[in-house]
Amino acid sequence: FEKYNEFKSGLQSDKKTICSIDLTRPSFPWHLGSRHPISIIRNEIIDIFERIGFTVSEGPEIENDDNVFTKLNFAPEHPARDMQDTFYISRISPEDSNPGDILLRTHTSSVQVRVMQSQKPPIRTISPGRVFRNEAISARAHCIFHQVEGLYIDENVSFADLRQTLLFFAREMYGKNTEIRLRPSYFPFTEPSAEMDVNCTICGGRGCNVCKYTGWLEVLGCGMVHPAGLEACNIDSKKYTGFAFGMGIERP
């Protein structure tokens, strides 16, 4: 303590020394780190869609069954509701679903439901965030991953609008010479539904082990919003149409 007081009095008497030393500087030359690859890609995806008028919407990771499944046109017996796919926090009955069930969201489409219930069309938004699925962890999959889902609702929105939006995204994300193809698929929230592939950027479409020698890589699912999904959120399906899409961030 005496030594401390001795140094303290010495500093107080030597104003020149005090002025020449920045006491707020860190003791070691720590360098700032870089952004995580997922954060880099997430920000790049957001920037691409913001350039064509999409806003960013966020929502809770702990959700209710109504927003995650019911209002997205998932049937009560749909396998996605099963315990094998969903992390339930509380359930009234393990056999059937209930709007009051609390769970970890399996997709960020629940944010789209919240947006549709709180805003009137036109709606043009993307929803990035973490999602959770009760799946086996492997080199290609994890039970916690990241998604960006998009939604556009307005009068006279067509499948052609969806395709052109996704083509713009693909060429901004993967290069101006990127080609896309849409394959018929099925998602409860959209009808018609499709999966979008881009020509493999590793082999240039010639075929390699990454694209399984097809020349194409699947990057997202999409489709026109099902009228039942619009009506469930009190949007007139006879007046408005829309499209939705969703992609994982880890893959790109």
C-alpha atoms as a PDB file:
ATOM      1  CA  PHE A   1       0.000   0.000   0.000  1.00  0.00           C
ATOM      2  CA  GLU A   2       2.885   2.356   0.806  1.00  0.00           C
ATOM      3  CA  LYS A   3       4.424   1.559  -2.575  1.00  0.00           C
ATOM      4  CA  TYR A   4       1.106   2.359  -4.272  1.00  0.00           C
ATOM      5  CA  ASN A   5       0.865   5.746  -2.542  1.00  0.00           C
ATOM      6  CA  GLU A   6       4.464   6.470  -3.499  1.00  0.00           C
ATOM      7  CA  PHE A   7       3.797   5.893  -7.209  1.00  0.00           C
ATOM      8  CA  LYS A   8       0.502   7.793  -6.999  1.00  0.00           C
ATOM      9  CA  SER A   9       2.099  10.878  -5.511  1.00  0.00           C
ATOM     10  CA  GLY A  10       4.877  10.639  -8.069  1.00  0.00           C
ATOM     11  CA  LEU A  11       2.389  10.672 -10.967  1.00  0.00           C
ATOM     12  CA  GLN A  12       0.451  13.574  -9.465  1.00  0.00           C
ATOM     13  CA  SER A  13       3.595  15.648  -9.190  1.00  0.00           C
ATOM     14  CA  ASP A  14       4.802  14.798 -12.712  1.00  0.00           C
ATOM     15  CA  LYS A  15       2.074  16.248 -14.988  1.00  0.00           C
ATOM     16  CA  LYS A  16       4.294  15.807 -18.066  1.00  0.00           C
ATOM     17  CA  THR A  17       4.394  12.049 -17.562  1.00  0.00           C
ATOM     18  CA  ILE A  18       0.617  11.895 -17.130  1.00  0.00           C
ATOM     19  CA  CYS A  19      -0.013  13.817 -20.344  1.00  0.00           C
ATOM     20  CA  SER A  20       2.320  11.588 -22.375  1.00  0.00           C
ATOM     21  CA  ILE A  21       0.739   8.271 -21.293  1.00  0.00           C
ATOM     22  CA  ASP A  22      -2.671   7.169 -22.552  1.00  0.00           C
ATOM     23  CA  LEU A  23      -3.992   5.227 -19.569  1.00  0.00           C
ATOM     24  CA  THR A  24      -6.998   3.997 -21.573  1.00  0.00           C
ATOM     25  CA  ARG A  25      -4.897   1.929 -23.983  1.00  0.00           C
ATOM     26  CA  PRO A  26      -5.001  -1.850 -23.538  1.00  0.00           C
ATOM     27  CA  SER A  27      -1.949  -3.430 -21.960  1.00  0.00           C
ATOM     28  CA  PHE A  28      -1.472  -5.867 -24.865  1.00  0.00           C
ATOM     29  CA  PRO A  29      -1.759  -5.164 -28.607  1.00  0.00           C
ATOM     30  CA  TRP A  30      -4.883  -7.265 -29.155  1.00  0.00           C
ATOM     31  CA  HIS A  31      -6.061  -7.362 -32.749  1.00  0.00           C
ATOM     32  CA  LEU A  32      -9.736  -7.443 -33.729  1.00  0.00           C
ATOM     33  CA  GLY A  33     -10.905 -10.721 -35.249  1.00  0.00           C
ATOM     34  CA  SER A  34     -12.736 -11.304 -38.524  1.00  0.00           C
ATOM     35  CA  ARG A  35     -16.391 -12.113 -39.153  1.00  0.00           C
ATOM     36  CA  HIS A  36     -17.603 -15.702 -39.113  1.00  0.00           C
ATOM     37  CA  PRO A  37     -18.207 -17.182 -42.605  1.00  0.00           C
ATOM     38  CA  ILE A  38     -21.924 -17.625 -41.812  1.00  0.00           C
ATOM     39  CA  SER A  39     -22.173 -13.937 -40.862  1.00  0.00           C
ATOM     40  CA  ILE A  40     -20.391 -12.927 -44.070  1.00  0.00           C
ATOM     41  CA  ILE A  41     -22.763 -14.938 -46.287  1.00  0.00           C
ATOM     42  CA  ARG A  42     -25.818 -13.838 -44.278  1.00  0.00           C
ATOM     43  CA  ASN A  43     -24.925 -10.176 -44.773  1.00  0.00           C
ATOM     44  CA  GLU A  44     -24.242 -10.751 -48.479  1.00  0.00           C
ATOM     45  CA  ILE A  45     -27.659 -12.392 -48.974  1.00  0.00           C
ATOM     46  CA  ILE A  46     -29.380  -9.575 -47.084  1.00  0.00           C
ATOM     47  CA  ASP A  47     -27.567  -6.944 -49.159  1.00  0.00           C
ATOM     48  CA  ILE A  48     -28.666  -8.590 -52.432  1.00  0.00           C
ATOM     49  CA  PHE A  49     -32.345  -8.639 -51.509  1.00  0.00           C
ATOM     50  CA  GLU A  50     -32.295  -5.169 -49.932  1.00  0.00           C
ATOM     51  CA  ARG A  51     -31.230  -3.822 -53.328  1.00  0.00           C
ATOM     52  CA  ILE A  52     -34.562  -4.944 -54.806  1.00  0.00           C
ATOM     53  CA  GLY A  53     -36.751  -3.635 -52.003  1.00  0.00           C
ATOM     54  CA  PHE A  54     -36.857  -6.426 -49.413  1.00  0.00           C
ATOM     55  CA  THR A  55     -36.786  -5.471 -45.746  1.00  0.00           C
ATOM     56  CA  VAL A  56     -35.413  -7.613 -42.907  1.00  0.00           C
ATOM     57  CA  SER A  57     -37.816  -9.096 -40.337  1.00  0.00           C
ATOM     58  CA  GLU A  58     -36.865 -11.031 -37.223  1.00  0.00           C
ATOM     59  CA  GLY A  59     -38.828 -13.107 -34.740  1.00  0.00           C
ATOM     60  CA  PRO A  60     -38.422 -15.331 -31.660  1.00  0.00           C
ATOM     61  CA  GLU A  61     -36.635 -18.671 -31.807  1.00  0.00           C
ATOM     62  CA  ILE A  62     -39.058 -20.122 -29.243  1.00  0.00           C
ATOM     63  CA  GLU A  63     -42.424 -20.240 -31.003  1.00  0.00           C
ATOM     64  CA  ASN A  64     -45.895 -21.759 -30.806  1.00  0.00           C
ATOM     65  CA  ASP A  65     -47.265 -24.511 -33.019  1.00  0.00           C
ATOM     66  CA  ASP A  66     -49.772 -22.129 -34.599  1.00  0.00           C
ATOM     67  CA  ASN A  67     -47.086 -19.919 -36.180  1.00  0.00           C
ATOM     68  CA  VAL A  68     -44.662 -22.706 -37.095  1.00  0.00           C
ATOM     69  CA  PHE A  69     -47.135 -25.202 -38.565  1.00  0.00           C
ATOM     70  CA  THR A  70     -50.872 -24.511 -38.514  1.00  0.00           C
ATOM     71  CA  LYS A  71     -50.940 -21.119 -40.257  1.00  0.00           C
ATOM     72  CA  LEU A  72     -48.450 -22.454 -42.821  1.00  0.00           C
ATOM     73  CA  ASN A  73     -50.961 -25.083 -43.944  1.00  0.00           C
ATOM     74  CA  PHE A  74     -49.264 -28.070 -42.276  1.00  0.00           C
ATOM     75  CA  ALA A  75     -51.816 -30.827 -41.750  1.00  0.00           C
ATOM     76  CA  PRO A  76     -52.241 -32.151 -38.172  1.00  0.00           C
ATOM     77  CA  GLU A  77     -50.724 -35.479 -39.242  1.00  0.00           C
ATOM     78  CA  HIS A  78     -47.779 -33.929 -41.157  1.00  0.00           C
ATOM     79  CA  PRO A  79     -44.503 -35.727 -40.246  1.00  0.00           C
ATOM     80  CA  ALA A  80     -42.713 -32.417 -39.627  1.00  0.00           C
ATOM     81  CA  ARG A  81     -44.760 -32.092 -36.431  1.00  0.00           C
ATOM     82  CA  ASP A  82     -43.393 -35.361 -35.106  1.00  0.00           C
ATOM     83  CA  MET A  83     -40.926 -35.487 -32.224  1.00  0.00           C
ATOM     84  CA  GLN A  84     -38.346 -36.916 -34.628  1.00  0.00           C
ATOM     85  CA  ASP A  85     -38.146 -33.553 -36.418  1.00  0.00           C
ATOM     86  CA  THR A  86     -39.177 -30.925 -33.882  1.00  0.00           C
ATOM     87  CA  PHE A  87     -37.765 -29.931 -30.503  1.00  0.00           C
ATOM     88  CA  TYR A  88     -40.865 -29.464 -28.350  1.00  0.00           C
ATOM     89  CA  ILE A  89     -40.522 -27.521 -25.123  1.00  0.00           C
ATOM     90  CA  SER A  90     -44.025 -28.305 -23.901  1.00  0.00           C
ATOM     91  CA  ARG A  91     -46.850 -30.394 -25.363  1.00  0.00           C
ATOM     92  CA  ILE A  92     -50.324 -31.026 -24.034  1.00  0.00           C
ATOM     93  CA  SER A  93     -50.462 -34.408 -25.746  1.00  0.00           C
ATOM     94  CA  PRO A  94     -47.612 -36.319 -27.441  1.00  0.00           C
ATOM     95  CA  GLU A  95     -50.061 -37.897 -29.902  1.00  0.00           C
ATOM     96  CA  ASP A  96     -51.540 -34.811 -31.522  1.00  0.00           C
ATOM     97  CA  SER A  97     -50.643 -31.190 -31.993  1.00  0.00           C
ATOM     98  CA  ASN A  98     -52.144 -28.184 -30.255  1.00  0.00           C
ATOM     99  CA  PRO A  99     -51.897 -24.451 -31.063  1.00  0.00           C
ATOM    100  CA  GLY A 100     -50.644 -23.926 -27.514  1.00  0.00           C
ATOM    101  CA  ASP A 101     -47.637 -26.223 -27.943  1.00  0.00           C
ATOM    102  CA  ILE A 102     -44.303 -24.443 -27.468  1.00  0.00           C
ATOM    103  CA  LEU A 103     -41.316 -25.458 -29.568  1.00  0.00           C
ATOM    104  CA  LEU A 104     -38.051 -24.338 -31.137  1.00  0.00           C
ATOM    105  CA  ARG A 105     -38.845 -23.050 -34.619  1.00  0.00           C
ATOM    106  CA  THR A 106     -37.948 -25.452 -37.408  1.00  0.00           C
ATOM    107  CA  HIS A 107     -37.844 -22.683 -40.044  1.00  0.00           C
ATOM    108  CA  THR A 108     -37.987 -18.895 -40.140  1.00  0.00           C
ATOM    109  CA  SER A 109     -41.332 -19.047 -41.976  1.00  0.00           C
ATOM    110  CA  SER A 110     -42.847 -18.398 -38.542  1.00  0.00           C
ATOM    111  CA  VAL A 111     -41.522 -14.841 -38.896  1.00  0.00           C
ATOM    112  CA  GLN A 112     -43.430 -14.528 -42.177  1.00  0.00           C
ATOM    113  CA  VAL A 113     -46.636 -15.497 -40.360  1.00  0.00           C
ATOM    114  CA  ARG A 114     -46.026 -12.771 -37.797  1.00  0.00           C
ATOM    115  CA  VAL A 115     -45.392 -10.234 -40.570  1.00  0.00           C
ATOM    116  CA  MET A 116     -48.568 -11.210 -42.460  1.00  0.00           C
ATOM    117  CA  GLN A 117     -50.612 -10.871 -39.268  1.00  0.00           C
ATOM    118  CA  SER A 118     -49.182  -7.470 -38.360  1.00  0.00           C
ATOM    119  CA  GLN A 119     -48.837  -5.797 -41.784  1.00  0.00           C
ATOM    120  CA  LYS A 120     -51.069  -5.257 -44.771  1.00  0.00           C
ATOM    121  CA  PRO A 121     -49.894  -5.986 -48.335  1.00  0.00           C
ATOM    122  CA  PRO A 122     -47.773  -5.103 -50.169  1.00  0.00           C
ATOM    123  CA  ILE A 123     -45.278  -7.150 -48.137  1.00  0.00           C
ATOM    124  CA  ARG A 124     -41.713  -7.725 -49.276  1.00  0.00           C
ATOM    125  CA  THR A 125     -39.462  -9.139 -46.567  1.00  0.00           C
ATOM    126  CA  ILE A 126     -36.717 -11.646 -45.782  1.00  0.00           C
ATOM    127  CA  SER A 127     -36.289 -13.435 -42.455  1.00  0.00           C
ATOM    128  CA  PRO A 128     -32.768 -14.566 -41.513  1.00  0.00           C
ATOM    129  CA  GLY A 129     -32.137 -16.536 -38.336  1.00  0.00           C
ATOM    130  CA  ARG A 130     -31.287 -19.759 -36.535  1.00  0.00           C
ATOM    131  CA  VAL A 131     -33.556 -22.793 -36.752  1.00  0.00           C
ATOM    132  CA  PHE A 132     -33.637 -26.110 -34.915  1.00  0.00           C
ATOM    133  CA  ARG A 133     -34.475 -29.641 -36.057  1.00  0.00           C
ATOM    134  CA  ASN A 134     -34.191 -32.894 -34.189  1.00  0.00           C
ATOM    135  CA  GLU A 135     -31.895 -34.565 -36.709  1.00  0.00           C
ATOM    136  CA  ALA A 136     -28.736 -36.650 -36.572  1.00  0.00           C
ATOM    137  CA  ILE A 137     -25.539 -34.591 -36.697  1.00  0.00           C
ATOM    138  CA  SER A 138     -23.220 -35.433 -39.582  1.00  0.00           C
ATOM    139  CA  ALA A 139     -20.601 -33.806 -41.792  1.00  0.00           C
ATOM    140  CA  ARG A 140     -23.414 -32.343 -43.933  1.00  0.00           C
ATOM    141  CA  ALA A 141     -26.101 -31.575 -41.341  1.00  0.00           C
ATOM    142  CA  HIS A 142     -26.582 -30.250 -37.817  1.00  0.00           C
ATOM    143  CA  CYS A 143     -29.529 -29.868 -35.451  1.00  0.00           C
ATOM    144  CA  ILE A 144     -28.930 -26.088 -35.335  1.00  0.00           C
ATOM    145  CA  PHE A 145     -28.432 -24.201 -38.579  1.00  0.00           C
ATOM    146  CA  HIS A 146     -29.318 -20.914 -40.282  1.00  0.00           C
ATOM    147  CA  GLN A 147     -31.879 -19.918 -42.874  1.00  0.00           C
ATOM    148  CA  VAL A 148     -33.015 -16.922 -44.884  1.00  0.00           C
ATOM    149  CA  GLU A 149     -36.627 -17.037 -46.037  1.00  0.00           C
ATOM    150  CA  GLY A 150     -38.324 -14.511 -48.280  1.00  0.00           C
ATOM    151  CA  LEU A 151     -41.918 -13.421 -48.821  1.00  0.00           C
ATOM    152  CA  TYR A 152     -43.518 -11.113 -51.381  1.00  0.00           C
ATOM    153  CA  ILE A 153     -47.280 -10.452 -51.371  1.00  0.00           C
ATOM    154  CA  ASP A 154     -49.082  -7.961 -53.559  1.00  0.00           C
ATOM    155  CA  GLU A 155     -51.694  -7.799 -56.284  1.00  0.00           C
ATOM    156  CA  ASN A 156     -50.924  -9.733 -59.488  1.00  0.00           C
ATOM    157  CA  VAL A 157     -47.737 -11.417 -58.238  1.00  0.00           C
ATOM    158  CA  SER A 158     -46.907 -14.344 -60.550  1.00  0.00           C
ATOM    159  CA  PHE A 159     -44.537 -17.271 -60.797  1.00  0.00           C
ATOM    160  CA  ALA A 160     -42.618 -15.282 -63.405  1.00  0.00           C
ATOM    161  CA  ASP A 161     -41.903 -12.658 -60.721  1.00  0.00           C
ATOM    162  CA  LEU A 162     -40.588 -15.422 -58.463  1.00  0.00           C
ATOM    163  CA  ARG A 163     -38.301 -16.816 -61.151  1.00  0.00           C
ATOM    164  CA  GLN A 164     -36.872 -13.414 -62.080  1.00  0.00           C
ATOM    165  CA  THR A 165     -36.228 -12.545 -58.432  1.00  0.00           C
ATOM    166  CA  LEU A 166     -34.379 -15.807 -57.859  1.00  0.00           C
ATOM    167  CA  LEU A 167     -32.399 -15.437 -61.100  1.00  0.00           C
ATOM    168  CA  PHE A 168     -31.271 -11.979 -59.957  1.00  0.00           C
ATOM    169  CA  PHE A 169     -30.222 -13.398 -56.584  1.00  0.00           C
ATOM    170  CA  ALA A 170     -28.338 -16.333 -58.128  1.00  0.00           C
ATOM    171  CA  ARG A 171     -26.347 -14.133 -60.506  1.00  0.00           C
ATOM    172  CA  GLU A 172     -25.499 -11.627 -57.791  1.00  0.00           C
ATOM    173  CA  MET A 173     -24.493 -14.418 -55.391  1.00  0.00           C
ATOM    174  CA  TYR A 174     -22.719 -16.901 -57.674  1.00  0.00           C
ATOM    175  CA  GLY A 175     -21.694 -14.828 -60.706  1.00  0.00           C
ATOM    176  CA  LYS A 176     -23.264 -13.154 -63.721  1.00  0.00           C
ATOM    177  CA  ASN A 177     -23.095 -16.303 -65.862  1.00  0.00           C
ATOM    178  CA  THR A 178     -25.024 -18.433 -63.369  1.00  0.00           C
ATOM    179  CA  GLU A 179     -27.998 -20.381 -64.722  1.00  0.00           C
ATOM    180  CA  ILE A 180     -30.894 -21.708 -62.662  1.00  0.00           C
ATOM    181  CA  ARG A 181     -33.464 -24.447 -63.087  1.00  0.00           C
ATOM    182  CA  LEU A 182     -36.722 -24.978 -61.178  1.00  0.00           C
ATOM    183  CA  ARG A 183     -37.864 -28.532 -60.452  1.00  0.00           C
ATOM    184  CA  PRO A 184     -41.411 -29.350 -59.279  1.00  0.00           C
ATOM    185  CA  SER A 185     -41.589 -30.123 -55.558  1.00  0.00           C
ATOM    186  CA  TYR A 186     -43.992 -29.986 -52.628  1.00  0.00           C
ATOM    187  CA  PHE A 187     -44.189 -27.664 -49.621  1.00  0.00           C
ATOM    188  CA  PRO A 188     -47.387 -27.193 -47.576  1.00  0.00           C
ATOM    189  CA  PHE A 189     -47.049 -23.395 -47.570  1.00  0.00           C
ATOM    190  CA  THR A 190     -46.742 -23.027 -51.362  1.00  0.00           C
ATOM    191  CA  GLU A 191     -48.586 -24.266 -54.452  1.00  0.00           C
ATOM    192  CA  PRO A 192     -47.141 -24.759 -56.998  1.00  0.00           C
ATOM    193  CA  SER A 193     -43.801 -25.473 -55.330  1.00  0.00           C
ATOM    194  CA  ALA A 194     -40.320 -25.896 -56.749  1.00  0.00           C
ATOM    195  CA  GLU A 195     -36.705 -26.473 -55.806  1.00  0.00           C
ATOM    196  CA  MET A 196     -34.112 -24.247 -57.426  1.00  0.00           C
ATOM    197  CA  ASP A 197     -30.737 -25.482 -58.644  1.00  0.00           C
ATOM    198  CA  VAL A 198     -27.764 -23.465 -59.881  1.00  0.00           C
ATOM    199  CA  ASN A 199     -25.147 -24.785 -62.260  1.00  0.00           C
ATOM    200  CA  CYS A 200     -22.218 -26.078 -60.217  1.00  0.00           C
ATOM    201  CA  THR A 201     -19.614 -23.358 -59.674  1.00  0.00           C
ATOM    202  CA  ILE A 202     -16.975 -25.949 -58.736  1.00  0.00           C
ATOM    203  CA  CYS A 203     -16.899 -27.775 -62.067  1.00  0.00           C
ATOM    204  CA  GLY A 204     -18.676 -25.230 -64.249  1.00  0.00           C
ATOM    205  CA  GLY A 205     -21.545 -27.642 -64.884  1.00  0.00           C
ATOM    206  CA  ARG A 206     -19.343 -30.425 -66.289  1.00  0.00           C
ATOM    207  CA  GLY A 207     -19.962 -32.738 -63.330  1.00  0.00           C
ATOM    208  CA  CYS A 208     -17.975 -33.465 -60.154  1.00  0.00           C
ATOM    209  CA  ASN A 209     -18.369 -35.234 -56.830  1.00  0.00           C
ATOM    210  CA  VAL A 210     -19.774 -32.061 -55.217  1.00  0.00           C
ATOM    211  CA  CYS A 211     -22.746 -31.911 -57.619  1.00  0.00           C
ATOM    212  CA  LYS A 212     -22.859 -35.725 -57.852  1.00  0.00           C
ATOM    213  CA  TYR A 213     -21.885 -35.449 -61.528  1.00  0.00           C
ATOM    214  CA  THR A 214     -25.169 -33.757 -62.470  1.00  0.00           C
ATOM    215  CA  GLY A 215     -23.727 -30.288 -63.076  1.00  0.00           C
ATOM    216  CA  TRP A 216     -26.352 -28.762 -60.748  1.00  0.00           C
ATOM    217  CA  LEU A 217     -26.551 -27.871 -57.040  1.00  0.00           C
ATOM    218  CA  GLU A 218     -29.811 -27.449 -55.112  1.00  0.00           C
ATOM    219  CA  VAL A 219     -29.783 -24.156 -53.182  1.00  0.00           C
ATOM    220  CA  LEU A 220     -33.356 -23.350 -52.118  1.00  0.00           C
ATOM    221  CA  GLY A 221     -37.051 -24.198 -52.116  1.00  0.00           C
ATOM    222  CA  CYS A 222     -39.750 -21.831 -53.348  1.00  0.00           C
ATOM    223  CA  GLY A 223     -43.285 -21.468 -54.678  1.00  0.00           C
ATOM    224  CA  MET A 224     -46.446 -19.409 -54.802  1.00  0.00           C
ATOM    225  CA  VAL A 225     -47.993 -18.818 -51.374  1.00  0.00           C
ATOM    226  CA  HIS A 226     -50.899 -21.217 -50.809  1.00  0.00           C
ATOM    227  CA  PRO A 227     -54.263 -19.385 -50.598  1.00  0.00           C
ATOM    228  CA  ALA A 228     -54.935 -21.200 -47.312  1.00  0.00           C
ATOM    229  CA  GLY A 229     -51.812 -19.597 -45.845  1.00  0.00           C
ATOM    230  CA  LEU A 230     -52.997 -16.134 -46.869  1.00  0.00           C
ATOM    231  CA  GLU A 231     -56.482 -16.664 -45.468  1.00  0.00           C
ATOM    232  CA  ALA A 232     -55.076 -18.021 -42.178  1.00  0.00           C
ATOM    233  CA  CYS A 233     -53.348 -14.655 -41.711  1.00  0.00           C
ATOM    234  CA  ASN A 234     -56.439 -12.644 -42.731  1.00  0.00           C
ATOM    235  CA  ILE A 235     -55.169 -11.710 -46.207  1.00  0.00           C
ATOM    236  CA  ASP A 236     -57.717 -11.855 -49.026  1.00  0.00           C
ATOM    237  CA  SER A 237     -56.467 -14.624 -51.342  1.00  0.00           C
ATOM    238  CA  LYS A 238     -58.818 -13.463 -54.115  1.00  0.00           C
ATOM    239  CA  LYS A 239     -57.197 -10.044 -54.199  1.00  0.00           C
ATOM    240  CA  TYR A 240     -53.591 -10.843 -53.341  1.00  0.00           C
ATOM    241  CA  THR A 241     -51.060 -13.433 -54.454  1.00  0.00           C
ATOM    242  CA  GLY A 242     -47.478 -13.930 -53.434  1.00  0.00           C
ATOM    243  CA  PHE A 243     -44.371 -16.050 -53.526  1.00  0.00           C
ATOM    244  CA  ALA A 244     -42.062 -17.420 -50.845  1.00  0.00           C
ATOM    245  CA  PHE A 245     -38.610 -18.975 -50.815  1.00  0.00           C
ATOM    246  CA  GLY A 246     -36.211 -20.336 -48.248  1.00  0.00           C
ATOM    247  CA  MET A 247     -32.534 -21.279 -48.233  1.00  0.00           C
ATOM    248  CA  GLY A 248     -29.940 -22.466 -45.774  1.00  0.00           C
ATOM    249  CA  ILE A 249     -27.003 -20.135 -45.190  1.00  0.00           C
ATOM    250  CA  GLU A 250     -24.443 -22.885 -44.577  1.00  0.00           C
ATOM    251  CA  ARG A 251     -24.766 -24.301 -48.091  1.00  0.00           C
ATOM    252  CA  PRO A 252     -23.854 -21.172 -50.106  1.00  0.00           C
END
